[in-house]
N, C-alpha and C. Protein backbone atom coordinates (compact mmCIF):
# COMPACT_ATOMS: atom_id res chain seq x y z
N GLY A 1 50.75 -22.24 100.40
CA GLY A 1 52.05 -22.87 100.18
C GLY A 1 51.93 -23.99 101.18
N PHE A 2 52.96 -24.52 101.32
CA PHE A 2 53.41 -25.84 102.28
C PHE A 2 52.81 -25.20 103.64
N LEU A 3 53.28 -24.46 104.24
CA LEU A 3 52.85 -23.86 105.62
C LEU A 3 51.31 -23.93 105.85
N HIS A 4 50.71 -23.34 104.86
CA HIS A 4 49.21 -23.07 105.13
C HIS A 4 48.88 -24.45 105.12
N ASN A 5 48.79 -25.04 104.09
CA ASN A 5 48.61 -26.66 103.96
C ASN A 5 48.82 -27.46 105.06
N ALA A 6 50.03 -27.48 105.68
CA ALA A 6 50.25 -27.96 107.03
C ALA A 6 49.42 -27.82 108.09
N LEU A 7 49.33 -25.96 108.25
CA LEU A 7 48.30 -25.46 109.19
C LEU A 7 47.07 -26.04 109.47
N GLU A 8 46.52 -25.99 107.95
CA GLU A 8 45.07 -26.08 107.66
C GLU A 8 45.09 -28.04 107.81
N ASN A 9 45.80 -28.61 107.77
CA ASN A 9 45.60 -29.98 107.98
C ASN A 9 45.94 -30.64 108.98
N GLY A 10 46.18 -29.77 110.21
CA GLY A 10 46.79 -30.08 111.60
C GLY A 10 48.11 -31.07 111.95
N ARG A 11 48.87 -30.64 110.71
CA ARG A 11 49.69 -31.61 111.26
C ARG A 11 51.20 -30.74 111.40
N VAL A 12 50.81 -29.47 112.34
CA VAL A 12 52.04 -28.71 112.91
C VAL A 12 51.88 -28.95 114.43
N PRO A 13 52.82 -29.29 115.33
CA PRO A 13 52.60 -29.51 116.74
C PRO A 13 52.42 -27.97 117.22
N ALA A 14 51.73 -28.26 118.57
CA ALA A 14 51.06 -26.88 119.06
C ALA A 14 52.35 -25.95 119.37
N ILE A 15 53.54 -26.36 119.75
CA ILE A 15 54.69 -25.65 119.99
C ILE A 15 55.02 -24.85 118.74
N GLU A 16 55.01 -25.55 117.72
CA GLU A 16 55.56 -25.24 116.44
C GLU A 16 54.57 -24.14 116.10
N ARG A 17 53.49 -24.27 116.28
CA ARG A 17 51.85 -22.87 115.79
C ARG A 17 52.37 -22.06 116.12
N ALA A 18 52.66 -22.18 117.75
CA ALA A 18 53.18 -20.77 118.53
C ALA A 18 54.23 -20.25 117.99
N GLY A 19 55.08 -20.79 117.71
CA GLY A 19 56.54 -20.27 117.18
C GLY A 19 56.29 -19.64 115.74
N ILE A 20 55.23 -20.32 114.92
CA ILE A 20 54.90 -19.81 113.74
C ILE A 20 54.61 -18.45 113.91
N VAL A 21 53.59 -18.29 114.94
CA VAL A 21 52.68 -17.11 115.05
C VAL A 21 53.64 -15.59 115.36
N ARG A 22 55.04 -16.42 116.25
CA ARG A 22 55.46 -15.17 117.10
C ARG A 22 57.12 -15.13 115.79
N ASP A 23 56.70 -15.83 115.21
CA ASP A 23 57.96 -15.58 114.19
C ASP A 23 57.19 -14.41 112.99
N TYR A 24 55.81 -14.89 112.76
CA TYR A 24 55.50 -13.85 111.53
C TYR A 24 55.05 -12.56 112.14
N ARG A 25 54.67 -12.63 113.45
CA ARG A 25 54.78 -11.32 113.98
C ARG A 25 55.95 -10.28 114.03
N ALA A 26 57.13 -10.96 114.43
CA ALA A 26 58.16 -10.56 114.39
C ALA A 26 58.79 -10.04 112.97
N PHE A 27 58.64 -10.77 111.83
CA PHE A 27 58.48 -10.18 110.60
C PHE A 27 57.79 -9.27 109.92
N ALA A 28 56.46 -9.03 110.69
CA ALA A 28 55.43 -8.17 110.48
C ALA A 28 56.30 -6.71 110.79
N GLU A 29 56.67 -7.00 112.34
CA GLU A 29 56.82 -5.92 113.15
C GLU A 29 58.34 -5.05 112.31
N ALA A 30 59.24 -5.93 111.56
CA ALA A 30 60.46 -5.62 111.45
C ALA A 30 60.06 -5.39 109.97
N GLY A 31 59.23 -5.29 109.12
CA GLY A 31 58.94 -5.29 107.98
C GLY A 31 59.28 -5.87 106.81
N TYR A 32 59.38 -7.12 107.25
CA TYR A 32 60.24 -8.16 106.55
C TYR A 32 58.84 -8.60 105.67
N VAL A 33 57.60 -8.69 106.05
CA VAL A 33 56.33 -9.47 105.58
C VAL A 33 55.70 -8.30 105.88
N PRO A 34 54.56 -8.23 105.17
CA PRO A 34 53.24 -7.18 105.47
C PRO A 34 52.58 -7.88 106.61
N THR A 35 51.95 -6.86 107.28
CA THR A 35 51.05 -7.13 108.43
C THR A 35 49.99 -8.00 107.72
N THR A 36 49.34 -8.11 106.51
CA THR A 36 48.48 -8.71 106.03
C THR A 36 48.98 -10.26 105.61
N GLU A 37 50.13 -10.55 105.79
CA GLU A 37 50.27 -11.89 105.85
C GLU A 37 50.39 -12.08 107.09
N LEU A 38 50.51 -11.74 108.18
CA LEU A 38 50.55 -12.08 109.45
C LEU A 38 48.92 -12.39 109.76
N LEU A 39 47.91 -11.65 109.14
CA LEU A 39 46.63 -11.73 109.63
C LEU A 39 46.03 -13.05 108.78
N ASP A 40 46.94 -13.20 107.48
CA ASP A 40 46.06 -14.28 106.76
C ASP A 40 46.65 -15.63 107.61
N VAL A 41 47.72 -15.83 108.11
CA VAL A 41 48.00 -16.65 108.86
C VAL A 41 47.29 -17.09 110.20
N LEU A 42 47.07 -15.91 110.76
CA LEU A 42 46.16 -15.98 111.98
C LEU A 42 44.83 -16.75 111.48
N ARG A 43 44.32 -16.97 110.28
CA ARG A 43 43.13 -17.73 110.26
C ARG A 43 42.97 -18.95 110.21
N PHE A 44 44.23 -19.64 110.40
CA PHE A 44 44.62 -20.85 110.75
C PHE A 44 44.24 -21.24 111.99
N TYR A 45 44.13 -20.01 112.97
CA TYR A 45 44.27 -20.04 114.51
C TYR A 45 42.95 -19.85 115.10
N THR A 46 41.97 -19.90 113.91
CA THR A 46 40.41 -19.50 114.61
C THR A 46 39.68 -20.77 115.72
N ASP A 47 40.28 -21.84 115.64
CA ASP A 47 40.02 -23.11 116.21
C ASP A 47 41.36 -23.51 117.29
N GLU A 48 41.90 -23.04 117.38
CA GLU A 48 43.21 -23.24 118.32
C GLU A 48 43.16 -23.40 119.58
N ARG A 49 43.19 -24.65 120.06
CA ARG A 49 42.88 -24.84 121.55
C ARG A 49 43.95 -24.84 122.49
N ASP A 50 45.52 -24.72 122.02
CA ASP A 50 46.74 -24.92 122.84
C ASP A 50 46.79 -23.26 123.18
N TYR A 51 46.76 -23.71 124.84
CA TYR A 51 47.08 -22.16 125.52
C TYR A 51 48.15 -21.19 124.86
N THR A 52 49.20 -22.06 124.84
CA THR A 52 50.25 -21.37 124.25
C THR A 52 50.28 -20.69 122.73
N ALA A 53 49.73 -21.88 121.70
CA ALA A 53 49.79 -21.13 120.75
C ALA A 53 48.11 -20.18 120.31
N ARG A 54 47.45 -20.12 121.00
CA ARG A 54 46.11 -19.13 121.14
C ARG A 54 46.28 -17.91 121.82
N GLY A 55 47.39 -17.98 122.87
CA GLY A 55 48.01 -16.72 123.29
C GLY A 55 48.77 -16.10 122.23
N MET A 56 49.51 -17.10 121.73
CA MET A 56 50.37 -16.04 121.03
C MET A 56 49.48 -15.57 119.46
N ALA A 57 48.54 -16.09 119.22
CA ALA A 57 47.84 -15.65 118.08
C ALA A 57 46.88 -14.55 118.32
N ILE A 58 46.60 -14.46 119.85
CA ILE A 58 45.42 -13.28 120.11
C ILE A 58 46.64 -12.13 120.76
N GLY A 59 47.76 -12.42 120.70
CA GLY A 59 48.76 -11.55 121.34
C GLY A 59 49.31 -10.76 120.25
N ALA A 60 49.50 -11.51 118.76
CA ALA A 60 49.64 -11.10 117.66
C ALA A 60 48.61 -10.17 117.05
N LEU A 61 47.54 -10.74 117.26
CA LEU A 61 45.91 -9.87 116.90
C LEU A 61 46.14 -8.39 117.67
N GLY A 62 46.45 -8.71 118.82
CA GLY A 62 46.62 -7.28 119.98
C GLY A 62 47.71 -6.45 119.40
N GLY A 63 48.51 -7.04 118.74
CA GLY A 63 50.11 -6.02 118.88
C GLY A 63 49.57 -4.85 117.22
N VAL A 64 48.61 -6.10 116.20
CA VAL A 64 48.41 -5.52 114.95
C VAL A 64 47.37 -4.15 115.19
N SER A 65 46.36 -4.41 116.63
CA SER A 65 45.64 -3.30 116.77
C SER A 65 46.26 -2.28 117.09
N SER A 66 47.38 -2.46 118.03
CA SER A 66 48.05 -1.03 118.82
C SER A 66 48.91 -0.45 117.64
N LEU A 67 49.26 -1.02 116.68
CA LEU A 67 49.80 -0.59 115.19
C LEU A 67 49.04 0.29 114.57
N VAL A 68 47.49 -0.18 114.67
CA VAL A 68 46.91 1.11 113.92
C VAL A 68 45.70 1.37 114.16
N PHE A 69 45.85 1.76 115.55
CA PHE A 69 44.52 2.22 116.38
C PHE A 69 45.07 3.67 116.13
N GLY A 70 43.50 4.15 116.13
CA GLY A 70 43.31 5.46 115.66
C GLY A 70 43.58 5.96 114.01
N THR A 71 43.68 5.05 113.26
CA THR A 71 43.71 5.27 112.05
C THR A 71 42.04 4.30 111.34
N PRO A 72 41.76 4.77 109.87
CA PRO A 72 40.65 4.13 109.85
C PRO A 72 40.89 2.17 109.37
N ALA A 73 41.79 1.76 109.14
CA ALA A 73 42.28 0.64 109.57
C ALA A 73 41.76 -0.16 110.98
N HIS A 74 41.55 0.52 112.19
CA HIS A 74 41.67 0.25 113.36
C HIS A 74 40.00 -0.70 113.23
N GLU A 75 39.25 0.28 112.62
CA GLU A 75 37.83 -0.42 112.64
C GLU A 75 37.33 -1.66 112.16
N LEU A 76 38.48 -1.85 110.90
CA LEU A 76 38.53 -3.34 109.99
C LEU A 76 38.89 -3.98 110.82
N LEU A 77 40.00 -3.67 111.34
CA LEU A 77 40.77 -4.69 112.09
C LEU A 77 40.11 -5.08 113.44
N LYS A 78 39.09 -4.31 114.21
CA LYS A 78 38.40 -4.70 115.04
C LYS A 78 37.32 -6.08 114.61
N ALA A 79 36.86 -5.71 113.62
CA ALA A 79 35.94 -6.59 113.11
C ALA A 79 36.80 -8.04 112.85
N PHE A 80 38.01 -7.91 112.35
CA PHE A 80 38.15 -9.17 112.16
C PHE A 80 38.61 -9.79 113.13
N GLY A 81 39.12 -9.02 114.40
CA GLY A 81 39.16 -9.56 115.56
C GLY A 81 38.15 -10.19 116.00
N ARG A 82 37.19 -9.59 115.99
CA ARG A 82 35.75 -10.41 116.61
C ARG A 82 35.50 -11.68 116.04
N ALA A 83 35.66 -11.57 114.52
CA ALA A 83 35.11 -12.76 113.84
C ALA A 83 36.30 -14.25 114.28
N PHE A 84 37.52 -13.30 114.49
CA PHE A 84 38.60 -14.50 114.93
C PHE A 84 38.50 -15.03 116.18
N LEU A 85 37.69 -14.37 117.16
CA LEU A 85 37.71 -14.73 118.40
C LEU A 85 36.16 -15.11 118.72
N LYS A 86 35.45 -15.45 117.62
CA LYS A 86 34.01 -15.75 118.04
C LYS A 86 34.23 -17.48 118.39
N ALA A 87 35.03 -18.40 117.57
CA ALA A 87 34.81 -19.82 117.94
C ALA A 87 35.76 -19.88 119.37
N HIS A 88 36.60 -18.72 119.53
CA HIS A 88 37.27 -19.10 121.07
C HIS A 88 36.02 -18.84 122.17
N VAL A 89 35.58 -17.63 121.89
CA VAL A 89 34.53 -17.38 123.01
C VAL A 89 33.75 -18.84 123.46
N VAL A 90 33.28 -19.30 122.35
CA VAL A 90 32.08 -20.44 122.50
C VAL A 90 33.18 -21.65 122.83
N ASP A 91 34.32 -21.76 122.55
CA ASP A 91 35.25 -22.65 123.41
C ASP A 91 35.48 -22.30 124.76
N VAL A 92 35.72 -21.19 125.45
CA VAL A 92 35.81 -21.10 126.46
C VAL A 92 34.71 -20.59 127.40
N GLY A 93 33.59 -20.41 126.83
CA GLY A 93 32.48 -20.03 127.62
C GLY A 93 32.59 -19.05 128.34
N PHE A 94 31.74 -18.89 129.35
CA PHE A 94 31.47 -17.84 130.43
C PHE A 94 31.96 -18.08 131.97
N GLU A 95 31.55 -19.57 131.95
CA GLU A 95 31.49 -20.29 133.08
C GLU A 95 32.37 -21.35 133.23
N PRO A 96 33.10 -21.70 134.44
CA PRO A 96 33.94 -22.89 134.72
C PRO A 96 33.70 -23.96 134.15
N LYS A 97 34.12 -24.96 133.75
CA LYS A 97 33.83 -26.35 133.42
C LYS A 97 34.48 -27.66 134.20
N THR A 98 33.95 -28.71 134.68
CA THR A 98 34.26 -29.58 135.41
C THR A 98 35.77 -30.02 135.07
N GLY A 99 36.87 -30.02 135.73
CA GLY A 99 37.91 -30.66 135.38
C GLY A 99 38.87 -29.86 134.38
N GLU A 100 38.41 -28.69 134.40
CA GLU A 100 39.26 -28.04 133.75
C GLU A 100 40.77 -27.61 134.26
N SER A 101 41.53 -27.50 133.08
CA SER A 101 42.82 -27.10 133.53
C SER A 101 43.26 -25.37 133.99
N HIS A 102 44.34 -25.31 134.13
CA HIS A 102 44.85 -23.85 134.83
C HIS A 102 44.76 -23.20 133.75
N GLU A 103 45.36 -23.74 132.80
CA GLU A 103 45.22 -23.03 131.21
C GLU A 103 44.17 -22.77 130.71
N ASP A 104 43.19 -23.64 131.20
CA ASP A 104 41.43 -23.21 130.37
C ASP A 104 40.78 -22.06 130.98
N ILE A 105 41.41 -21.69 132.46
CA ILE A 105 41.10 -20.78 133.29
C ILE A 105 41.49 -19.44 132.55
N LEU A 106 43.04 -19.53 132.50
CA LEU A 106 43.89 -18.53 131.82
C LEU A 106 43.07 -17.94 130.44
N ALA A 107 42.89 -19.05 129.89
CA ALA A 107 42.47 -19.10 128.27
C ALA A 107 41.07 -18.28 128.48
N ARG A 108 40.12 -18.43 129.66
CA ARG A 108 38.97 -17.64 129.73
C ARG A 108 39.09 -16.46 129.63
N SER A 109 39.81 -15.81 130.38
CA SER A 109 40.02 -14.49 130.83
C SER A 109 40.78 -13.67 129.66
N LEU A 110 41.73 -14.57 129.13
CA LEU A 110 42.53 -13.98 127.69
C LEU A 110 41.55 -13.58 126.77
N VAL A 111 40.86 -14.62 126.21
CA VAL A 111 39.72 -14.49 125.33
C VAL A 111 38.72 -13.55 125.52
N LEU A 112 38.05 -13.49 126.59
CA LEU A 112 36.69 -12.84 126.90
C LEU A 112 37.43 -11.46 126.80
N SER A 113 38.18 -11.48 127.80
CA SER A 113 39.31 -9.80 128.00
C SER A 113 39.20 -9.27 126.20
N SER A 114 40.14 -10.05 125.47
CA SER A 114 40.14 -9.78 124.13
C SER A 114 39.10 -9.49 123.19
N ALA A 115 38.00 -10.32 123.27
CA ALA A 115 36.67 -9.79 122.84
C ALA A 115 36.03 -8.85 122.70
N ALA A 116 36.09 -8.52 124.25
CA ALA A 116 35.55 -7.28 124.67
C ALA A 116 36.13 -6.13 124.16
N ALA A 117 37.70 -6.08 124.05
CA ALA A 117 38.55 -5.10 123.64
C ALA A 117 38.06 -5.12 122.19
N PHE A 118 37.77 -5.65 121.26
CA PHE A 118 37.44 -6.08 119.95
C PHE A 118 36.02 -5.33 119.82
N GLY A 119 35.55 -5.39 120.80
CA GLY A 119 34.04 -4.62 120.49
C GLY A 119 32.87 -5.89 120.70
N ASP A 120 33.15 -6.90 120.96
CA ASP A 120 32.09 -7.94 120.95
C ASP A 120 31.05 -7.56 121.61
N LYS A 121 29.89 -7.32 120.88
CA LYS A 121 28.45 -6.66 122.01
C LYS A 121 28.33 -7.60 122.99
N ALA A 122 28.06 -9.30 122.75
CA ALA A 122 27.42 -10.07 123.34
C ALA A 122 28.22 -10.22 124.69
N VAL A 123 29.49 -9.96 124.31
CA VAL A 123 30.54 -10.20 125.72
C VAL A 123 30.58 -9.17 126.44
N VAL A 124 30.61 -8.22 125.94
CA VAL A 124 30.55 -6.99 126.67
C VAL A 124 29.10 -6.74 127.42
N ALA A 125 28.15 -7.28 126.82
CA ALA A 125 26.82 -7.34 127.46
C ALA A 125 26.81 -8.40 128.72
N HIS A 126 27.38 -9.31 128.37
CA HIS A 126 27.47 -10.52 129.52
C HIS A 126 28.40 -9.69 130.71
N ALA A 127 29.37 -9.17 130.51
CA ALA A 127 30.44 -8.59 131.75
C ALA A 127 29.40 -7.44 132.11
N GLN A 128 28.62 -6.59 131.87
CA GLN A 128 27.90 -5.67 132.22
C GLN A 128 26.62 -6.15 133.17
N LYS A 129 26.32 -7.69 132.62
CA LYS A 129 25.60 -8.37 133.36
C LYS A 129 26.07 -8.56 134.75
N LEU A 130 26.88 -9.27 134.64
CA LEU A 130 27.73 -10.06 135.79
C LEU A 130 27.94 -8.41 136.91
N PHE A 131 28.44 -7.83 136.06
CA PHE A 131 28.63 -6.28 136.94
C PHE A 131 27.52 -6.13 137.67
N ALA A 132 26.11 -5.86 137.13
CA ALA A 132 24.98 -5.23 137.56
C ALA A 132 24.79 -6.60 139.09
N GLN A 133 25.22 -7.59 138.63
CA GLN A 133 24.46 -8.37 139.69
C GLN A 133 25.64 -9.25 140.78
N ARG A 134 26.44 -7.58 140.79
CA ARG A 134 27.89 -8.61 141.63
C ARG A 134 27.87 -8.63 143.04
N ASP A 135 26.77 -7.69 143.63
CA ASP A 135 25.95 -7.24 145.11
C ASP A 135 25.03 -8.79 145.53
N VAL A 136 24.58 -9.60 144.39
CA VAL A 136 23.79 -10.73 144.47
C VAL A 136 24.70 -11.78 144.36
N VAL A 137 25.36 -11.94 143.24
CA VAL A 137 26.41 -13.17 142.60
C VAL A 137 27.65 -12.65 142.55
N ALA A 138 28.43 -13.10 143.52
CA ALA A 138 30.01 -12.35 143.12
C ALA A 138 30.67 -12.80 142.16
N ILE A 139 31.17 -11.64 141.25
CA ILE A 139 31.90 -12.27 140.19
C ILE A 139 33.21 -13.29 140.50
N ASN A 140 33.15 -14.44 139.86
CA ASN A 140 34.00 -15.37 139.61
C ASN A 140 35.44 -14.59 139.53
N PRO A 141 36.36 -14.54 141.18
CA PRO A 141 37.69 -14.07 140.83
C PRO A 141 38.56 -14.09 139.47
N ASP A 142 38.26 -15.06 138.84
CA ASP A 142 39.15 -15.29 137.59
C ASP A 142 38.46 -14.51 136.54
N LEU A 143 37.21 -13.78 136.47
CA LEU A 143 36.69 -13.18 135.60
C LEU A 143 36.59 -11.48 135.92
N ARG A 144 37.01 -11.26 137.31
CA ARG A 144 36.83 -10.06 137.46
C ARG A 144 37.18 -8.98 136.91
N GLY A 145 38.94 -9.14 136.36
CA GLY A 145 39.57 -8.37 135.65
C GLY A 145 39.03 -8.01 134.18
N PHE A 146 38.73 -8.93 133.64
CA PHE A 146 38.29 -8.83 132.31
C PHE A 146 36.71 -8.10 132.45
N VAL A 147 35.27 -8.58 133.61
CA VAL A 147 34.43 -7.95 133.71
C VAL A 147 34.86 -6.42 134.04
N TYR A 148 35.71 -5.91 135.07
CA TYR A 148 35.69 -4.60 135.12
C TYR A 148 36.16 -3.92 134.23
N ASN A 149 37.24 -4.37 133.32
CA ASN A 149 37.92 -3.64 132.11
C ASN A 149 36.71 -3.68 131.05
N ALA A 150 35.93 -4.51 130.87
CA ALA A 150 34.81 -4.45 129.92
C ALA A 150 33.75 -3.48 129.92
N VAL A 151 33.30 -3.40 131.24
CA VAL A 151 32.17 -2.52 132.04
C VAL A 151 32.85 -0.92 131.78
N ALA A 152 34.03 -0.97 132.27
CA ALA A 152 34.81 0.54 132.34
C ALA A 152 34.93 1.27 131.16
N ALA A 153 35.27 0.14 130.06
CA ALA A 153 35.69 0.76 128.60
C ALA A 153 34.48 0.90 128.32
N ASN A 154 33.19 0.64 128.59
CA ASN A 154 31.92 1.07 128.07
C ASN A 154 31.10 1.76 128.81
N GLY A 155 31.66 2.30 129.73
CA GLY A 155 30.78 2.85 130.92
C GLY A 155 30.64 4.53 130.75
N ASN A 156 29.75 4.86 131.58
CA ASN A 156 29.59 6.32 131.79
C ASN A 156 29.77 6.67 132.97
N ALA A 157 29.56 8.20 133.46
CA ALA A 157 29.89 8.61 134.94
C ALA A 157 29.30 7.88 135.88
N LYS A 158 28.10 7.26 136.00
CA LYS A 158 27.61 6.70 136.91
C LYS A 158 28.81 5.56 137.05
N THR A 159 29.12 4.89 135.79
CA THR A 159 30.06 3.53 136.03
C THR A 159 31.30 4.41 136.67
N TRP A 160 31.66 5.36 136.48
CA TRP A 160 32.74 5.71 137.04
C TRP A 160 32.68 5.70 138.41
N ASN A 161 31.67 6.67 138.88
CA ASN A 161 31.70 6.63 140.27
C ASN A 161 31.36 5.34 141.24
N THR A 162 30.80 4.45 140.34
CA THR A 162 30.49 3.34 140.85
C THR A 162 32.18 2.49 141.14
N PHE A 163 32.88 2.94 140.55
CA PHE A 163 34.41 2.43 140.33
C PHE A 163 35.05 2.96 141.38
N VAL A 164 34.81 4.35 141.23
CA VAL A 164 35.68 4.99 142.75
C VAL A 164 34.99 4.91 143.80
N GLU A 165 34.18 4.45 144.20
CA GLU A 165 33.50 3.90 145.44
C GLU A 165 33.99 2.46 145.88
N MET A 166 33.70 1.46 144.51
CA MET A 166 34.53 0.53 144.98
C MET A 166 35.98 0.68 145.25
N TYR A 167 36.55 1.27 144.75
CA TYR A 167 38.09 1.32 145.21
C TYR A 167 38.40 1.74 146.29
N LYS A 168 37.64 2.74 146.64
CA LYS A 168 37.78 3.51 148.30
C LYS A 168 37.28 2.06 149.17
N GLN A 169 36.45 1.33 148.68
CA GLN A 169 35.84 0.28 149.63
C GLN A 169 36.48 -0.93 149.92
N ALA A 170 37.36 -1.28 148.82
CA ALA A 170 38.22 -2.27 148.84
C ALA A 170 39.12 -2.78 150.00
N GLU A 171 39.26 -3.44 150.48
CA GLU A 171 40.44 -3.93 151.68
C GLU A 171 41.44 -4.34 151.28
N LEU A 172 41.33 -5.43 150.21
CA LEU A 172 42.77 -6.02 149.35
C LEU A 172 43.17 -5.46 148.41
N GLN A 173 44.39 -5.22 148.24
CA GLN A 173 45.20 -4.46 147.24
C GLN A 173 45.06 -4.77 146.07
N GLU A 174 45.25 -6.49 145.56
CA GLU A 174 44.81 -6.64 145.03
C GLU A 174 43.58 -6.50 143.86
N GLU A 175 42.47 -6.59 144.83
CA GLU A 175 41.27 -5.77 144.12
C GLU A 175 41.37 -4.47 143.94
N LYS A 176 42.07 -3.67 144.55
CA LYS A 176 42.40 -2.00 144.44
C LYS A 176 43.09 -1.99 143.06
N ASN A 177 44.11 -2.69 142.79
CA ASN A 177 45.19 -2.60 141.28
C ASN A 177 43.77 -3.19 140.43
N ARG A 178 43.06 -3.79 140.23
CA ARG A 178 41.78 -4.58 139.55
C ARG A 178 41.12 -3.32 138.94
N ILE A 179 40.70 -2.68 140.01
CA ILE A 179 39.55 -1.64 139.93
C ILE A 179 40.61 -0.47 139.29
N GLY A 180 41.66 -0.02 139.99
CA GLY A 180 42.66 0.83 139.20
C GLY A 180 42.87 0.96 137.77
N ARG A 181 43.10 -0.40 137.40
CA ARG A 181 43.27 -0.50 135.77
C ARG A 181 41.98 -0.67 135.08
N ALA A 182 40.92 -0.94 135.58
CA ALA A 182 39.29 -0.43 134.86
C ALA A 182 39.24 0.78 134.99
N LEU A 183 39.55 1.46 135.80
CA LEU A 183 39.34 2.94 135.83
C LEU A 183 40.35 3.74 134.80
N ALA A 184 41.55 2.92 134.26
CA ALA A 184 42.15 3.74 133.33
C ALA A 184 41.29 3.32 131.72
N ARG A 185 40.41 2.41 131.90
CA ARG A 185 39.59 1.97 130.20
C ARG A 185 38.69 2.79 130.13
N PHE A 186 38.50 3.59 130.87
CA PHE A 186 37.41 5.13 130.56
C PHE A 186 37.44 5.52 129.26
N LYS A 187 36.92 5.67 128.34
CA LYS A 187 37.00 6.74 127.18
C LYS A 187 36.48 7.92 126.98
N ASP A 188 35.44 7.92 128.28
CA ASP A 188 34.47 9.65 128.00
C ASP A 188 35.69 10.57 128.66
N GLU A 189 36.13 11.57 127.85
CA GLU A 189 37.18 12.75 128.58
C GLU A 189 36.38 13.54 128.79
N VAL A 190 35.18 13.53 129.06
CA VAL A 190 34.66 14.36 130.40
C VAL A 190 34.82 14.04 131.79
N ILE A 191 34.93 12.77 131.91
CA ILE A 191 35.16 12.03 133.10
C ILE A 191 36.60 12.17 133.34
N LEU A 192 37.35 11.97 132.65
CA LEU A 192 38.53 11.49 132.93
C LEU A 192 39.30 13.10 133.14
N LYS A 193 38.66 14.21 132.95
CA LYS A 193 39.37 15.56 133.23
C LYS A 193 39.00 15.65 134.72
């Protein structure tokens, strides 16, 4: 329709693109449109570069993920999420760029965290590499939350013990909070008992 054509041809201003996603998400959550219609609209946001519109789109995808968590549809949605985020991961990269804005820095953390949560193996592997090298090369503070969460969500008992030791040794409350949130990401029930 008209909306899809306008989105596809780049004729919708950024603030309106953010509003469209927000509204479609609200309509889907209220049951006025099928969730699949929201996902259909999200395909126009795979190359979105505006921080607010990108954040709304990723947030909507996360909301749908919460809705279908624990169902067979969740794995399908995770695959959709990885495909959706692929261009975003390439855009933000793992390293800061000269002259980037505060929104670019925030977008990097949002995109990489979301890609890891949807199971992007390359993103998780990069987080694990940064974590393994943390004593040699400090993890960029803007990426620490993403790295800790991605590593913990894919961690084992040894990783758990590493995080517990890091928590005990951390002096700053902000770092303790980051590590504490990561500890909540572990999935192994044996560790969590």
